[in-house]
Amino acid sequence: MPLVGPVTSSYSESGSFGRNYIAGNLIIGATTASVSASKALGSSAANITVSGSIFPSENDLHDLGSAAYQWRDIYTGDFHLKNTGRDEGNVIDGTKGDWTIQEGREDLYLLNNETGKKFKFKLEEIE
């Protein structure tokens, strides 16, 4: 994987780099395109702070992480799951759905955004 040269653009006092378009992979916090070198830098290598949304270039095409390089934790508000934009449904029964998982103090809830039905996960406390 060739290393793309440093991202260059105008810089302002507010920290804005304007609009940059990068084709291919962008590795932040590494001086080489080597995956092992990037991983060795650890979590202090770089941070990205986003003040807007992040969108994939196409619907239902790109992954976040991989089987070999997974995200450790995901911190989010409500968790939305929706596969209605696909041509085919899920691999279990072929249907499509639109759901939201919400957390409560003692329970997790599942909302069907298509039917309006609400469910509570049955949780069993373990020691």
Foldseek 3Di string as FASTA:
>chain_A
DADDDDDDADADPVGDRDDDDDPDDDQAQAPGPDPVRSVVVDPVSDDDDDPDDDDDPDPPDDDDADPVGDDDDDDDAKDWDWDVVDPWDDPPPGDTFIWIWHDDPPWIKIAGPVPRDIDTDDDDDDD
